[in-house]
């Protein structure tokens, strides 16, 4: 069994590092990489991930705000 994962991080370097780490785990499938909270919400609506990694401080919408929208839409 694998878990679908979405990552949201505005720093591209950190996003790539987190993606590489998570991609090594055979139980995880990274289905989305996002640079903003808005992108994360849209990606979660489309991909229906099991796990979401959200950066707290992102432009336009924080990870906290995005998590509330994702939770409310589920």
PDB file of N, CA and C in Angstrom:
ATOM      1  N   UNK A   1       0.836  -1.182   0.000  1.00  0.00           N
ATOM      2  CA  UNK A   1       0.000   0.000   0.000  1.00  0.00           C
ATOM      3  C   UNK A   1       0.877   1.240   0.000  1.00  0.00           C
ATOM      4  N   UNK A   2       0.486   2.226  -0.806  1.00  0.00           N
ATOM      5  CA  UNK A   2       1.225   3.488  -0.787  1.00  0.00           C
ATOM      6  C   UNK A   2       0.270   4.631  -0.464  1.00  0.00           C
ATOM      7  N   UNK A   3       0.837   5.682   0.089  1.00  0.00           N
ATOM      8  CA  UNK A   3       0.087   6.869   0.458  1.00  0.00           C
ATOM      9  C   UNK A   3       0.404   7.981  -0.539  1.00  0.00           C
ATOM     10  N   UNK A   4      -0.620   8.673  -1.012  1.00  0.00           N
ATOM     11  CA  UNK A   4      -0.434   9.810  -1.906  1.00  0.00           C
ATOM     12  C   UNK A   4      -0.087  11.040  -1.069  1.00  0.00           C
ATOM     13  N   UNK A   5       0.948  11.756  -1.523  1.00  0.00           N
ATOM     14  CA  UNK A   5       1.477  12.894  -0.771  1.00  0.00           C
ATOM     15  C   UNK A   5       1.511  14.144  -1.649  1.00  0.00           C
ATOM     16  N   UNK A   6       1.139  15.276  -1.055  1.00  0.00           N
ATOM     17  CA  UNK A   6       1.308  16.585  -1.684  1.00  0.00           C
ATOM     18  C   UNK A   6       2.258  17.396  -0.803  1.00  0.00           C
ATOM     19  N   UNK A   7       3.185  18.100  -1.444  1.00  0.00           N
ATOM     20  CA  UNK A   7       4.158  18.941  -0.733  1.00  0.00           C
ATOM     21  C   UNK A   7       3.924  20.390  -1.158  1.00  0.00           C
ATOM     22  N   UNK A   8       3.879  21.292  -0.196  1.00  0.00           N
ATOM     23  CA  UNK A   8       3.776  22.724  -0.493  1.00  0.00           C
ATOM     24  C   UNK A   8       4.895  23.457   0.235  1.00  0.00           C
ATOM     25  N   UNK A   9       5.759  24.085  -0.542  1.00  0.00           N
ATOM     26  CA  UNK A   9       6.926  24.804   0.007  1.00  0.00           C
ATOM     27  C   UNK A   9       7.312  25.879  -1.005  1.00  0.00           C
ATOM     28  N   UNK A  10       7.371  27.141  -0.595  1.00  0.00           N
ATOM     29  CA  UNK A  10       7.668  28.216  -1.539  1.00  0.00           C
ATOM     30  C   UNK A  10       9.143  28.289  -1.921  1.00  0.00           C
ATOM     31  N   UNK A  11      10.024  27.737  -1.118  1.00  0.00           N
ATOM     32  CA  UNK A  11      11.451  27.730  -1.435  1.00  0.00           C
ATOM     33  C   UNK A  11      11.744  26.513  -2.316  1.00  0.00           C
ATOM     34  N   UNK A  12      12.114  26.757  -3.583  1.00  0.00           N
ATOM     35  CA  UNK A  12      12.304  25.667  -4.537  1.00  0.00           C
ATOM     36  C   UNK A  12      13.350  24.658  -4.076  1.00  0.00           C
ATOM     37  N   UNK A  13      14.444  25.143  -3.523  1.00  0.00           N
ATOM     38  CA  UNK A  13      15.506  24.243  -3.059  1.00  0.00           C
ATOM     39  C   UNK A  13      14.990  23.307  -1.962  1.00  0.00           C
ATOM     40  N   UNK A  14      14.278  23.856  -1.000  1.00  0.00           N
ATOM     41  CA  UNK A  14      13.731  23.040   0.087  1.00  0.00           C
ATOM     42  C   UNK A  14      12.637  22.091  -0.422  1.00  0.00           C
ATOM     43  N   UNK A  15      11.852  22.560  -1.392  1.00  0.00           N
ATOM     44  CA  UNK A  15      10.833  21.715  -2.003  1.00  0.00           C
ATOM     45  C   UNK A  15      11.477  20.505  -2.667  1.00  0.00           C
ATOM     46  N   UNK A  16      12.559  20.742  -3.401  1.00  0.00           N
ATOM     47  CA  UNK A  16      13.259  19.647  -4.075  1.00  0.00           C
ATOM     48  C   UNK A  16      13.879  18.666  -3.078  1.00  0.00           C
ATOM     49  N   UNK A  17      14.440  19.188  -1.991  1.00  0.00           N
ATOM     50  CA  UNK A  17      15.024  18.316  -0.969  1.00  0.00           C
ATOM     51  C   UNK A  17      13.945  17.436  -0.347  1.00  0.00           C
ATOM     52  N   UNK A  18      12.839  18.031   0.043  1.00  0.00           N
ATOM     53  CA  UNK A  18      11.748  17.264   0.645  1.00  0.00           C
ATOM     54  C   UNK A  18      11.202  16.236  -0.341  1.00  0.00           C
ATOM     55  N   UNK A  19      11.057  16.632  -1.597  1.00  0.00           N
ATOM     56  CA  UNK A  19      10.595  15.698  -2.631  1.00  0.00           C
ATOM     57  C   UNK A  19      11.543  14.502  -2.741  1.00  0.00           C
ATOM     58  N   UNK A  20      12.836  14.761  -2.789  1.00  0.00           N
ATOM     59  CA  UNK A  20      13.823  13.678  -2.911  1.00  0.00           C
ATOM     60  C   UNK A  20      13.780  12.735  -1.716  1.00  0.00           C
ATOM     61  N   UNK A  21      13.653  13.275  -0.527  1.00  0.00           N
ATOM     62  CA  UNK A  21      13.589  12.449   0.681  1.00  0.00           C
ATOM     63  C   UNK A  21      12.338  11.575   0.664  1.00  0.00           C
ATOM     64  N   UNK A  22      11.198  12.187   0.380  1.00  0.00           N
ATOM     65  CA  UNK A  22       9.934  11.436   0.394  1.00  0.00           C
ATOM     66  C   UNK A  22       9.858  10.424  -0.746  1.00  0.00           C
ATOM     67  N   UNK A  23      10.461  10.734  -1.874  1.00  0.00           N
ATOM     68  CA  UNK A  23      10.433   9.830  -3.025  1.00  0.00           C
ATOM     69  C   UNK A  23      11.210   8.540  -2.777  1.00  0.00           C
ATOM     70  N   UNK A  24      12.128   8.570  -1.833  1.00  0.00           N
ATOM     71  CA  UNK A  24      12.900   7.370  -1.512  1.00  0.00           C
ATOM     72  C   UNK A  24      12.086   6.339  -0.735  1.00  0.00           C
ATOM     73  N   UNK A  25      11.003   6.773  -0.126  1.00  0.00           N
ATOM     74  CA  UNK A  25      10.157   5.876   0.670  1.00  0.00           C
ATOM     75  C   UNK A  25       9.172   5.170  -0.257  1.00  0.00           C
ATOM     76  N   UNK A  26       9.268   3.856  -0.341  1.00  0.00           N
ATOM     77  CA  UNK A  26       8.416   3.106  -1.273  1.00  0.00           C
ATOM     78  C   UNK A  26       6.948   3.106  -0.869  1.00  0.00           C
ATOM     79  N   UNK A  27       6.647   3.525   0.354  1.00  0.00           N
ATOM     80  CA  UNK A  27       5.248   3.568   0.789  1.00  0.00           C
ATOM     81  C   UNK A  27       4.585   4.911   0.461  1.00  0.00           C
ATOM     82  N   UNK A  28       5.368   5.839  -0.120  1.00  0.00           N
ATOM     83  CA  UNK A  28       4.840   7.164  -0.444  1.00  0.00           C
ATOM     84  C   UNK A  28       4.917   7.433  -1.938  1.00  0.00           C
ATOM     85  N   UNK A  29       3.898   8.074  -2.475  1.00  0.00           N
ATOM     86  CA  UNK A  29       3.877   8.511  -3.870  1.00  0.00           C
ATOM     87  C   UNK A  29       3.592  10.004  -3.867  1.00  0.00           C
ATOM     88  N   UNK A  30       4.584  10.804  -4.233  1.00  0.00           N
ATOM     89  CA  UNK A  30       4.399  12.250  -4.278  1.00  0.00           C
ATOM     90  C   UNK A  30       3.594  12.584  -5.533  1.00  0.00           C
ATOM     91  N   UNK A  31       2.368  13.051  -5.335  1.00  0.00           N
ATOM     92  CA  UNK A  31       1.466  13.324  -6.451  1.00  0.00           C
ATOM     93  C   UNK A  31       1.361  14.814  -6.761  1.00  0.00           C
ATOM     94  N   UNK A  32       1.995  15.657  -5.928  1.00  0.00           N
ATOM     95  CA  UNK A  32       1.950  17.088  -6.176  1.00  0.00           C
ATOM     96  C   UNK A  32       3.039  17.846  -5.457  1.00  0.00           C
ATOM     97  N   UNK A  33       3.632  18.813  -6.180  1.00  0.00           N
ATOM     98  CA  UNK A  33       4.607  19.742  -5.612  1.00  0.00           C
ATOM     99  C   UNK A  33       4.081  21.138  -5.872  1.00  0.00           C
ATOM    100  N   UNK A  34       3.873  21.916  -4.818  1.00  0.00           N
ATOM    101  CA  UNK A  34       3.251  23.228  -4.930  1.00  0.00           C
ATOM    102  C   UNK A  34       4.146  24.292  -4.315  1.00  0.00           C
ATOM    103  N   UNK A  35       4.036  25.526  -4.855  1.00  0.00           N
ATOM    104  CA  UNK A  35       4.846  26.627  -4.342  1.00  0.00           C
ATOM    105  C   UNK A  35       4.039  27.634  -3.534  1.00  0.00           C
ATOM    106  N   UNK A  36       2.707  27.508  -3.532  1.00  0.00           N
ATOM    107  CA  UNK A  36       1.867  28.425  -2.755  1.00  0.00           C
ATOM    108  C   UNK A  36       0.748  27.640  -2.089  1.00  0.00           C
ATOM    109  N   UNK A  37       0.127  28.278  -1.105  1.00  0.00           N
ATOM    110  CA  UNK A  37      -1.015  27.662  -0.444  1.00  0.00           C
ATOM    111  C   UNK A  37      -2.182  27.479  -1.397  1.00  0.00           C
ATOM    112  N   UNK A  38      -2.376  28.444  -2.289  1.00  0.00           N
ATOM    113  CA  UNK A  38      -3.460  28.357  -3.265  1.00  0.00           C
ATOM    114  C   UNK A  38      -3.268  27.142  -4.171  1.00  0.00           C
ATOM    115  N   UNK A  39      -2.034  26.938  -4.641  1.00  0.00           N
ATOM    116  CA  UNK A  39      -1.730  25.761  -5.466  1.00  0.00           C
ATOM    117  C   UNK A  39      -1.983  24.484  -4.679  1.00  0.00           C
ATOM    118  N   UNK A  40      -1.641  24.482  -3.411  1.00  0.00           N
ATOM    119  CA  UNK A  40      -1.817  23.294  -2.574  1.00  0.00           C
ATOM    120  C   UNK A  40      -3.293  22.926  -2.445  1.00  0.00           C
ATOM    121  N   UNK A  41      -4.140  23.925  -2.237  1.00  0.00           N
ATOM    122  CA  UNK A  41      -5.576  23.671  -2.116  1.00  0.00           C
ATOM    123  C   UNK A  41      -6.104  23.071  -3.410  1.00  0.00           C
ATOM    124  N   UNK A  42      -5.752  23.661  -4.540  1.00  0.00           N
ATOM    125  CA  UNK A  42      -6.210  23.162  -5.844  1.00  0.00           C
ATOM    126  C   UNK A  42      -5.692  21.746  -6.099  1.00  0.00           C
ATOM    127  N   UNK A  43      -4.427  21.511  -5.780  1.00  0.00           N
ATOM    128  CA  UNK A  43      -3.829  20.191  -5.989  1.00  0.00           C
ATOM    129  C   UNK A  43      -4.526  19.142  -5.129  1.00  0.00           C
ATOM    130  N   UNK A  44      -4.830  19.488  -3.901  1.00  0.00           N
ATOM    131  CA  UNK A  44      -5.499  18.542  -3.003  1.00  0.00           C
ATOM    132  C   UNK A  44      -6.914  18.230  -3.482  1.00  0.00           C
ATOM    133  N   UNK A  45      -7.587  19.214  -4.062  1.00  0.00           N
ATOM    134  CA  UNK A  45      -8.920  18.973  -4.615  1.00  0.00           C
ATOM    135  C   UNK A  45      -8.852  17.957  -5.749  1.00  0.00           C
ATOM    136  N   UNK A  46      -7.811  18.070  -6.574  1.00  0.00           N
ATOM    137  CA  UNK A  46      -7.657  17.198  -7.741  1.00  0.00           C
ATOM    138  C   UNK A  46      -7.108  15.822  -7.379  1.00  0.00           C
ATOM    139  N   UNK A  47      -6.065  15.781  -6.568  1.00  0.00           N
ATOM    140  CA  UNK A  47      -5.313  14.540  -6.321  1.00  0.00           C
ATOM    141  C   UNK A  47      -5.813  13.733  -5.130  1.00  0.00           C
ATOM    142  N   UNK A  48      -6.557  14.355  -4.213  1.00  0.00           N
ATOM    143  CA  UNK A  48      -7.073  13.665  -3.022  1.00  0.00           C
ATOM    144  C   UNK A  48      -5.962  12.918  -2.269  1.00  0.00           C
ATOM    145  N   UNK A  49      -4.927  13.643  -1.800  1.00  0.00           N
ATOM    146  CA  UNK A  49      -3.811  12.973  -1.118  1.00  0.00           C
ATOM    147  C   UNK A  49      -4.201  12.450   0.260  1.00  0.00           C
ATOM    148  N   UNK A  50      -3.411  11.503   0.735  1.00  0.00           N
ATOM    149  CA  UNK A  50      -3.563  10.978   2.085  1.00  0.00           C
ATOM    150  C   UNK A  50      -2.794  11.838   3.092  1.00  0.00           C
ATOM    151  N   UNK A  51      -1.682  12.441   2.620  1.00  0.00           N
ATOM    152  CA  UNK A  51      -0.797  13.233   3.475  1.00  0.00           C
ATOM    153  C   UNK A  51      -0.453  14.527   2.747  1.00  0.00           C
ATOM    154  N   UNK A  52      -0.446  15.646   3.489  1.00  0.00           N
ATOM    155  CA  UNK A  52      -0.063  16.933   2.917  1.00  0.00           C
ATOM    156  C   UNK A  52       0.996  17.568   3.815  1.00  0.00           C
ATOM    157  N   UNK A  53       2.139  17.918   3.225  1.00  0.00           N
ATOM    158  CA  UNK A  53       3.186  18.650   3.932  1.00  0.00           C
ATOM    159  C   UNK A  53       3.072  20.109   3.517  1.00  0.00           C
ATOM    160  N   UNK A  54       2.774  21.003   4.470  1.00  0.00           N
ATOM    161  CA  UNK A  54       2.567  22.413   4.181  1.00  0.00           C
ATOM    162  C   UNK A  54       3.586  23.280   4.908  1.00  0.00           C
ATOM    163  N   UNK A  55       4.257  24.127   4.153  1.00  0.00           N
ATOM    164  CA  UNK A  55       5.089  25.169   4.747  1.00  0.00           C
ATOM    165  C   UNK A  55       4.149  26.158   5.435  1.00  0.00           C
ATOM    166  N   UNK A  56       4.532  26.698   6.542  1.00  0.00           N
ATOM    167  CA  UNK A  56       3.676  27.639   7.263  1.00  0.00           C
ATOM    168  C   UNK A  56       3.650  28.999   6.567  1.00  0.00           C
ATOM    169  N   UNK A  57       4.823  29.545   6.241  1.00  0.00           N
ATOM    170  CA  UNK A  57       4.917  30.876   5.641  1.00  0.00           C
ATOM    171  C   UNK A  57       5.097  30.781   4.131  1.00  0.00           C
ATOM    172  N   UNK A  58       3.994  30.986   3.416  1.00  0.00           N
ATOM    173  CA  UNK A  58       4.033  31.001   1.954  1.00  0.00           C
ATOM    174  C   UNK A  58       3.321  32.247   1.467  1.00  0.00           C
ATOM    175  N   UNK A  59       3.674  32.704   0.258  1.00  0.00           N
ATOM    176  CA  UNK A  59       3.015  33.907  -0.265  1.00  0.00           C
ATOM    177  C   UNK A  59       1.538  33.653  -0.590  1.00  0.00           C
ATOM    178  N   UNK A  60       0.755  34.693  -0.491  1.00  0.00           N
ATOM    179  CA  UNK A  60      -0.671  34.722  -0.833  1.00  0.00           C
ATOM    180  C   UNK A  60      -1.566  33.974   0.146  1.00  0.00           C
ATOM    181  N   UNK A  61      -1.147  32.808   0.600  1.00  0.00           N
ATOM    182  CA  UNK A  61      -1.946  32.031   1.552  1.00  0.00           C
ATOM    183  C   UNK A  61      -0.993  31.179   2.390  1.00  0.00           C
ATOM    184  N   UNK A  62      -1.075  31.290   3.693  1.00  0.00           N
ATOM    185  CA  UNK A  62      -0.182  30.524   4.567  1.00  0.00           C
ATOM    186  C   UNK A  62      -0.568  29.041   4.578  1.00  0.00           C
ATOM    187  N   UNK A  63       0.313  28.231   5.074  1.00  0.00           N
ATOM    188  CA  UNK A  63       0.021  26.807   5.220  1.00  0.00           C
ATOM    189  C   UNK A  63      -1.136  26.557   6.178  1.00  0.00           C
ATOM    190  N   UNK A  64      -1.262  27.404   7.185  1.00  0.00           N
ATOM    191  CA  UNK A  64      -2.377  27.270   8.140  1.00  0.00           C
ATOM    192  C   UNK A  64      -3.700  27.540   7.428  1.00  0.00           C
ATOM    193  N   UNK A  65      -3.753  28.629   6.675  1.00  0.00           N
ATOM    194  CA  UNK A  65      -4.978  28.951   5.921  1.00  0.00           C
ATOM    195  C   UNK A  65      -5.307  27.854   4.915  1.00  0.00           C
ATOM    196  N   UNK A  66      -4.268  27.365   4.223  1.00  0.00           N
ATOM    197  CA  UNK A  66      -4.475  26.307   3.236  1.00  0.00           C
ATOM    198  C   UNK A  66      -4.993  25.043   3.907  1.00  0.00           C
ATOM    199  N   UNK A  67      -4.456  24.701   5.074  1.00  0.00           N
ATOM    200  CA  UNK A  67      -4.894  23.489   5.753  1.00  0.00           C
ATOM    201  C   UNK A  67      -6.372  23.573   6.143  1.00  0.00           C
ATOM    202  N   UNK A  68      -6.809  24.747   6.545  1.00  0.00           N
ATOM    203  CA  UNK A  68      -8.214  24.926   6.900  1.00  0.00           C
ATOM    204  C   UNK A  68      -9.110  24.767   5.678  1.00  0.00           C
ATOM    205  N   UNK A  69      -8.677  25.317   4.550  1.00  0.00           N
ATOM    206  CA  UNK A  69      -9.483  25.177   3.321  1.00  0.00           C
ATOM    207  C   UNK A  69      -9.519  23.722   2.855  1.00  0.00           C
ATOM    208  N   UNK A  70      -8.393  23.043   2.937  1.00  0.00           N
ATOM    209  CA  UNK A  70      -8.332  21.629   2.530  1.00  0.00           C
ATOM    210  C   UNK A  70      -9.222  20.805   3.426  1.00  0.00           C
ATOM    211  N   UNK A  71      -9.170  21.032   4.718  1.00  0.00           N
ATOM    212  CA  UNK A  71      -9.989  20.304   5.668  1.00  0.00           C
ATOM    213  C   UNK A  71     -11.476  20.558   5.415  1.00  0.00           C
ATOM    214  N   UNK A  72     -11.828  21.815   5.188  1.00  0.00           N
ATOM    215  CA  UNK A  72     -13.228  22.168   4.975  1.00  0.00           C
ATOM    216  C   UNK A  72     -13.804  21.614   3.683  1.00  0.00           C
ATOM    217  N   UNK A  73     -12.962  21.414   2.679  1.00  0.00           N
ATOM    218  CA  UNK A  73     -13.428  20.903   1.391  1.00  0.00           C
ATOM    219  C   UNK A  73     -13.514  19.384   1.385  1.00  0.00           C
ATOM    220  N   UNK A  74     -12.896  18.741   2.338  1.00  0.00           N
ATOM    221  CA  UNK A  74     -12.862  17.267   2.355  1.00  0.00           C
ATOM    222  C   UNK A  74     -14.107  16.723   3.020  1.00  0.00           C
TER     223      UNK A  74
END
